[in-house]
Structure formats: C-alpha cells, structure tokens
Amino acid sequence: MHRIRYGFFVFFLALFGVVYIARQWFYDIEDEASIFGYHTLVVKKGLYRGFILFVVSEIMLFFGFFWAFFHSALSPSLIYALLWPYENAFVVINCFGFPAYNTILLIVSGVTVTYAHMAAACGKHSEVLDALYMTVFLGILFLISQINEYFEIAYNINDSVYSCAFFMLTGLHGMHVFVGVFLLYVCLERFCFQDFSTTHYLGFVCSIWYWHFVDAVWIFLYVFIYIWSSWGVKLDELSFVYFF
C-alpha cells in the first residue's frame, strides 16, 4: 500500500494464504458435520450462538465508523457554512448511479438467498442450486460495480473527513461482501456434493445470516453516505440536530 518494492506481490500472496487456510478450515468443519457426526444438537446450538456473537461484533465495528461519520456530519466546521459534505470541496457521487444499481443487486440477492433457504427446507435440491448460483453471481456483480465506482470518483481517502468515512465504510462493506460471496460459494459446493440435508445445514443458515447483515449495512450506507450526503443540506435547517 505504500508502494514498497514487491508490496503488491506480498499482499496478494497473503490474501491467497488467508483464503486457502479458510477454505481448508471449511473442509474440516464439513468433515466434522457430514462424516464424523460431531455436530450434535448441543454443538449446533453453540455454533449458532457463537456466530450470532460474531455478527454482533461486526455490527459494533460498523457502528464505530458510523459514529465517526455522524460526529463530523452533524457538527461540521463553521468555516464551511455548516454544510456536509463541504461545499465546492468535491462532487459527491450521484446516488442514483452506481449506488442505486448496487442497492438493487443486494436486495435481489437477499431475495434469492432467502428462496434458496426455503427450497433447502423443502428438499428442492435443483432450486437451491439455481438460487445460490444467482446469489453468488449478484454478489460478484456488486463487487465489480463497486470497483468501477471507485474509478469514477474524483476524490480520494485523504481529501476530507467525508471522503475518509466514505472509503472506510464502503471499502469495509465491500470486504464483507467478498467474504459473504465466499461463504455462499462454499455452501453451493456442499449442496452440489449433497452434504446438506433438509434438517442439517448449519453452515448455510449462518451464511444466510451473514448475507442479510451485509444487505442491512448497505441500506444504511446508501441512505446516509450517498443520498443524505448528496443533498448538501445546511444542518441548521434540521431542527433535530440541535438535540445532538
């Protein structure tokens, strides 16, 4: 990231190592569940609770960055006439362009993954595969669109407080989308090999929870980072701001 020699090579080597290790770990979990039969009812409850705590920790991570965003947005400097983001500093990306397209992609993917869950409970194997293929495809489209959006933006992370919050929140969310796509792809592979049954698909349920969490975070991002910030409203026109 600091343009050190062989920096990108080391970065991608480390990324490959993390993905490979995660994949091998998933294989171990799969063997414990489908071959050795270690996933008893008590173990499943523990894994569910552990994953819920993991999602809660992710929520708090985003909460911290949103806190920083609203701290600056609701009390901007008087130098910039109480405007957020700062007027004439840079042009905020059009909320009806790439962001709206990405929102549609994630909402539709949430519908398809929910349909896959319903189909899995009913034992409709082919419909599960079709819905999961569509969900993974939509997730990949979202990532491609997010990368294209970054190329269209005229500002970078160190231009202002807004641009820093923008890249931190959207970039962190993009990383979570990548992880969600990876989790759903692993579930897709397991469904292809018929490792799941109509009553035993713990990994799939956890992946669905994670994907819905990613969808919910994006809704907040779209409403506040894109739509609200693109209005350029003077904060003294919002009466509720005085409460803060």
Protein backbone atom coordinates (compact mmCIF):
# COMPACT_ATOMS: atom_id res chain seq x y z
CA MET A 1 0.00 0.00 0.00
CA HIS A 2 2.99 2.32 0.49
CA ARG A 3 4.46 1.29 -2.87
CA ILE A 4 7.23 -0.68 -1.25
CA ARG A 5 9.09 -2.98 -3.62
CA TYR A 6 7.23 -6.28 -4.07
CA GLY A 7 4.48 -4.89 -1.85
CA PHE A 8 1.62 -5.96 -4.09
CA PHE A 9 3.15 -9.41 -4.51
CA VAL A 10 3.32 -9.86 -0.74
CA PHE A 11 -0.23 -8.53 -0.36
CA PHE A 12 -1.74 -10.94 -2.87
CA LEU A 13 0.37 -13.80 -1.51
CA ALA A 14 -1.00 -13.09 1.98
CA LEU A 15 -4.55 -12.80 0.61
CA PHE A 16 -4.20 -16.14 -1.15
CA GLY A 17 -2.87 -17.68 2.05
CA VAL A 18 -5.82 -16.41 4.10
CA VAL A 19 -8.35 -17.66 1.53
CA TYR A 20 -6.61 -21.04 1.26
CA ILE A 21 -6.45 -21.52 5.03
CA ALA A 22 -10.12 -20.52 5.37
CA ARG A 23 -11.06 -22.99 2.68
CA GLN A 24 -9.16 -25.81 4.41
CA TRP A 25 -10.85 -24.89 7.68
CA PHE A 26 -14.23 -25.13 5.98
CA TYR A 27 -13.30 -28.60 4.77
CA ASP A 28 -12.53 -29.61 8.37
CA ILE A 29 -15.90 -28.28 9.53
CA GLU A 30 -17.57 -30.14 6.68
CA ASP A 31 -15.91 -33.43 7.67
CA GLU A 32 -16.90 -32.95 11.30
CA ALA A 33 -20.52 -32.35 10.30
CA SER A 34 -21.11 -34.85 7.49
CA ILE A 35 -18.59 -37.67 8.06
CA PHE A 36 -17.76 -37.87 11.77
CA GLY A 37 -21.16 -36.71 13.03
CA TYR A 38 -19.76 -34.32 15.63
CA HIS A 39 -22.45 -31.69 15.05
CA THR A 40 -24.95 -32.83 17.65
CA LEU A 41 -27.86 -30.66 18.77
CA VAL A 42 -25.83 -29.17 21.61
CA VAL A 43 -22.90 -28.40 19.30
CA LYS A 44 -25.23 -26.80 16.75
CA LYS A 45 -26.71 -24.53 19.40
CA GLY A 46 -23.24 -23.49 20.48
CA LEU A 47 -22.20 -22.76 16.91
CA TYR A 48 -25.35 -20.72 16.30
CA ARG A 49 -24.75 -18.64 19.41
CA GLY A 50 -21.10 -18.16 18.53
CA PHE A 51 -21.98 -16.97 15.06
CA ILE A 52 -24.58 -14.58 16.45
CA LEU A 53 -21.92 -13.08 18.71
CA PHE A 54 -19.63 -12.79 15.70
CA VAL A 55 -22.30 -10.86 13.77
CA VAL A 56 -22.85 -8.62 16.81
CA SER A 57 -19.13 -7.84 16.86
CA GLU A 58 -19.34 -6.94 13.16
CA ILE A 59 -22.30 -4.66 13.88
CA MET A 60 -20.28 -2.86 16.55
CA LEU A 61 -17.39 -2.45 14.11
CA PHE A 62 -19.63 -0.65 11.62
CA PHE A 63 -21.28 1.23 14.48
CA GLY A 64 -17.92 2.75 15.35
CA PHE A 65 -17.33 4.00 11.82
CA PHE A 66 -20.90 5.33 11.54
CA TRP A 67 -20.36 7.10 14.86
CA ALA A 68 -17.31 8.86 13.40
CA PHE A 69 -19.29 9.75 10.29
CA PHE A 70 -22.23 11.30 12.14
CA HIS A 71 -19.93 13.02 14.63
CA SER A 72 -18.48 15.03 11.75
CA ALA A 73 -21.67 15.26 9.70
CA LEU A 74 -23.90 16.63 12.46
CA SER A 75 -21.39 19.20 13.70
CA PRO A 76 -19.29 20.35 10.73
CA SER A 77 -16.92 23.28 10.89
CA LEU A 78 -18.27 26.85 10.69
CA ILE A 79 -15.59 27.54 8.11
CA TYR A 80 -17.64 25.54 5.60
CA ALA A 81 -21.00 27.21 6.45
CA LEU A 82 -22.29 24.16 8.33
CA LEU A 83 -22.53 22.18 5.12
CA TRP A 84 -21.97 18.44 4.83
CA PRO A 85 -20.09 17.41 2.83
CA TYR A 86 -18.10 20.57 2.36
CA GLU A 87 -19.46 22.69 -0.47
CA ASN A 88 -17.26 23.01 -3.56
CA ALA A 89 -14.66 20.73 -1.98
CA PHE A 90 -15.54 17.89 -4.33
CA VAL A 91 -18.52 16.46 -6.15
CA VAL A 92 -20.33 13.74 -4.24
CA ILE A 93 -21.09 10.71 -6.40
CA ASN A 94 -24.59 10.56 -7.86
CA CYS A 95 -26.74 8.44 -5.55
CA PHE A 96 -28.88 7.30 -8.49
CA GLY A 97 -25.96 5.86 -10.47
CA PHE A 98 -23.74 3.03 -9.28
CA PRO A 99 -25.08 3.16 -5.69
CA ALA A 100 -28.69 2.62 -6.79
CA TYR A 101 -27.61 -0.21 -9.09
CA ASN A 102 -25.67 -1.82 -6.24
CA THR A 103 -28.66 -1.48 -3.94
CA ILE A 104 -30.88 -3.31 -6.40
CA LEU A 105 -28.28 -6.07 -6.74
CA LEU A 106 -28.08 -6.66 -2.99
CA ILE A 107 -31.83 -6.52 -2.44
CA VAL A 108 -32.42 -9.05 -5.20
CA SER A 109 -29.61 -11.24 -3.83
CA GLY A 110 -31.30 -11.15 -0.43
CA VAL A 111 -34.49 -12.43 -2.06
CA THR A 112 -32.70 -15.21 -3.94
CA VAL A 113 -30.76 -16.43 -0.90
CA THR A 114 -33.99 -16.47 1.13
CA TYR A 115 -35.63 -18.51 -1.62
CA ALA A 116 -32.67 -20.90 -1.52
CA HIS A 117 -33.20 -21.30 2.22
CA MET A 118 -36.90 -22.11 1.73
CA ALA A 119 -36.06 -24.55 -1.06
CA ALA A 120 -33.46 -26.28 1.14
CA ALA A 121 -36.03 -26.76 3.90
CA CYS A 122 -38.41 -28.32 1.36
CA GLY A 123 -35.75 -30.58 -0.14
CA LYS A 124 -35.82 -28.94 -3.60
CA HIS A 125 -32.19 -29.50 -4.48
CA SER A 126 -32.21 -28.08 -8.03
CA GLU A 127 -33.96 -24.89 -6.94
CA VAL A 128 -31.44 -24.41 -4.15
CA LEU A 129 -28.59 -24.62 -6.64
CA ASP A 130 -30.25 -22.18 -9.05
CA ALA A 131 -30.95 -19.66 -6.31
CA LEU A 132 -27.43 -19.92 -4.90
CA TYR A 133 -25.85 -19.56 -8.33
CA MET A 134 -27.88 -16.39 -8.81
CA THR A 135 -26.94 -15.04 -5.37
CA VAL A 136 -23.23 -15.61 -5.90
CA PHE A 137 -23.46 -14.05 -9.36
CA LEU A 138 -25.21 -10.96 -7.99
CA GLY A 139 -22.59 -10.64 -5.27
CA ILE A 140 -19.79 -10.73 -7.85
CA LEU A 141 -21.62 -8.12 -9.93
CA PHE A 142 -21.83 -5.91 -6.85
CA LEU A 143 -18.08 -6.15 -6.28
CA ILE A 144 -17.34 -5.33 -9.92
CA SER A 145 -19.70 -2.36 -9.79
CA GLN A 146 -18.10 -1.14 -6.56
CA ILE A 147 -14.66 -1.23 -8.17
CA ASN A 148 -15.97 0.69 -11.19
CA GLU A 149 -17.49 3.26 -8.84
CA TYR A 150 -14.12 3.86 -7.22
CA PHE A 151 -12.62 4.59 -10.63
CA GLU A 152 -15.37 7.16 -11.30
CA ILE A 153 -14.88 9.06 -8.02
CA ALA A 154 -12.96 12.31 -8.33
CA TYR A 155 -11.67 12.34 -4.74
CA ASN A 156 -9.56 10.01 -2.61
CA ILE A 157 -9.46 8.92 1.01
CA ASN A 158 -7.28 11.79 2.28
CA ASP A 159 -9.23 14.70 0.73
CA SER A 160 -11.63 15.32 3.62
CA VAL A 161 -13.41 13.77 6.58
CA TYR A 162 -16.29 12.76 4.31
CA SER A 163 -14.06 11.02 1.76
CA CYS A 164 -12.24 9.19 4.57
CA ALA A 165 -15.52 7.96 6.06
CA PHE A 166 -16.81 7.12 2.59
CA PHE A 167 -13.91 4.89 1.64
CA MET A 168 -13.64 3.28 5.07
CA LEU A 169 -17.33 2.35 5.24
CA THR A 170 -17.81 1.31 1.62
CA GLY A 171 -14.45 -0.46 1.47
CA LEU A 172 -15.10 -2.33 4.70
CA HIS A 173 -18.53 -3.29 3.42
CA GLY A 174 -17.03 -4.46 0.13
CA MET A 175 -14.68 -6.76 2.05
CA HIS A 176 -17.68 -8.20 3.89
CA VAL A 177 -19.47 -8.77 0.59
CA PHE A 178 -16.41 -10.66 -0.64
CA VAL A 179 -16.47 -12.84 2.48
CA GLY A 180 -20.22 -13.38 2.08
CA VAL A 181 -19.80 -14.47 -1.53
CA PHE A 182 -17.06 -16.86 -0.44
CA LEU A 183 -19.29 -18.37 2.27
CA LEU A 184 -22.20 -18.84 -0.12
CA TYR A 185 -19.89 -20.37 -2.73
CA VAL A 186 -18.72 -22.93 -0.16
CA CYS A 187 -22.36 -23.72 0.61
CA LEU A 188 -23.01 -24.05 -3.11
CA GLU A 189 -20.22 -26.60 -3.41
CA ARG A 190 -21.57 -28.54 -0.45
CA PHE A 191 -25.05 -28.60 -1.97
CA CYS A 192 -23.55 -29.86 -5.23
CA PHE A 193 -21.99 -32.77 -3.33
CA GLN A 194 -25.22 -33.20 -1.31
CA ASP A 195 -23.53 -32.65 2.04
CA PHE A 196 -26.64 -30.88 3.37
CA SER A 197 -29.99 -32.44 4.22
CA THR A 198 -33.40 -30.87 4.76
CA THR A 199 -32.74 -30.65 8.51
CA HIS A 200 -28.97 -30.27 8.72
CA TYR A 201 -27.48 -27.21 7.01
CA LEU A 202 -25.97 -25.15 9.81
CA GLY A 203 -23.27 -23.58 7.65
CA PHE A 204 -25.84 -22.50 5.10
CA VAL A 205 -28.02 -20.82 7.73
CA CYS A 206 -25.05 -18.93 9.17
CA SER A 207 -24.05 -17.80 5.67
CA ILE A 208 -27.59 -16.52 5.08
CA TRP A 209 -27.49 -14.56 8.33
CA TYR A 210 -24.19 -13.04 7.30
CA TRP A 211 -25.53 -12.09 3.88
CA HIS A 212 -28.61 -10.40 5.35
CA PHE A 213 -26.31 -8.50 7.69
CA VAL A 214 -24.34 -7.30 4.65
CA ASP A 215 -27.60 -6.22 2.98
CA ALA A 216 -28.75 -4.30 6.05
CA VAL A 217 -25.43 -2.45 6.37
CA TRP A 218 -25.62 -1.42 2.72
CA ILE A 219 -29.09 0.07 3.21
CA PHE A 220 -27.66 2.32 5.93
CA LEU A 221 -24.72 3.18 3.69
CA TYR A 222 -26.93 4.04 0.76
CA VAL A 223 -29.30 6.21 2.79
CA PHE A 224 -26.71 8.22 4.70
CA ILE A 225 -23.43 8.05 2.78
CA TYR A 226 -24.96 8.51 -0.66
CA ILE A 227 -28.47 10.00 -0.52
CA TRP A 228 -28.27 12.18 2.58
CA SER A 229 -24.76 13.42 1.83
CA SER A 230 -25.60 14.19 -1.80
CA TRP A 231 -28.32 16.64 -0.76
CA GLY A 232 -25.81 19.08 0.69
CA VAL A 233 -28.41 20.30 3.20
CA LYS A 234 -27.50 23.02 5.65
CA LEU A 235 -27.59 21.48 9.07
CA ASP A 236 -29.23 24.49 10.71
CA GLU A 237 -32.33 23.62 8.65
CA LEU A 238 -32.66 20.31 10.51
CA SER A 239 -34.22 21.01 13.90
CA PHE A 240 -33.37 17.61 15.36
CA VAL A 241 -29.67 18.35 15.01
CA TYR A 242 -29.82 20.73 17.98
CA PHE A 243 -30.59 17.77 20.18
CA PHE A 244 -27.14 16.41 19.45
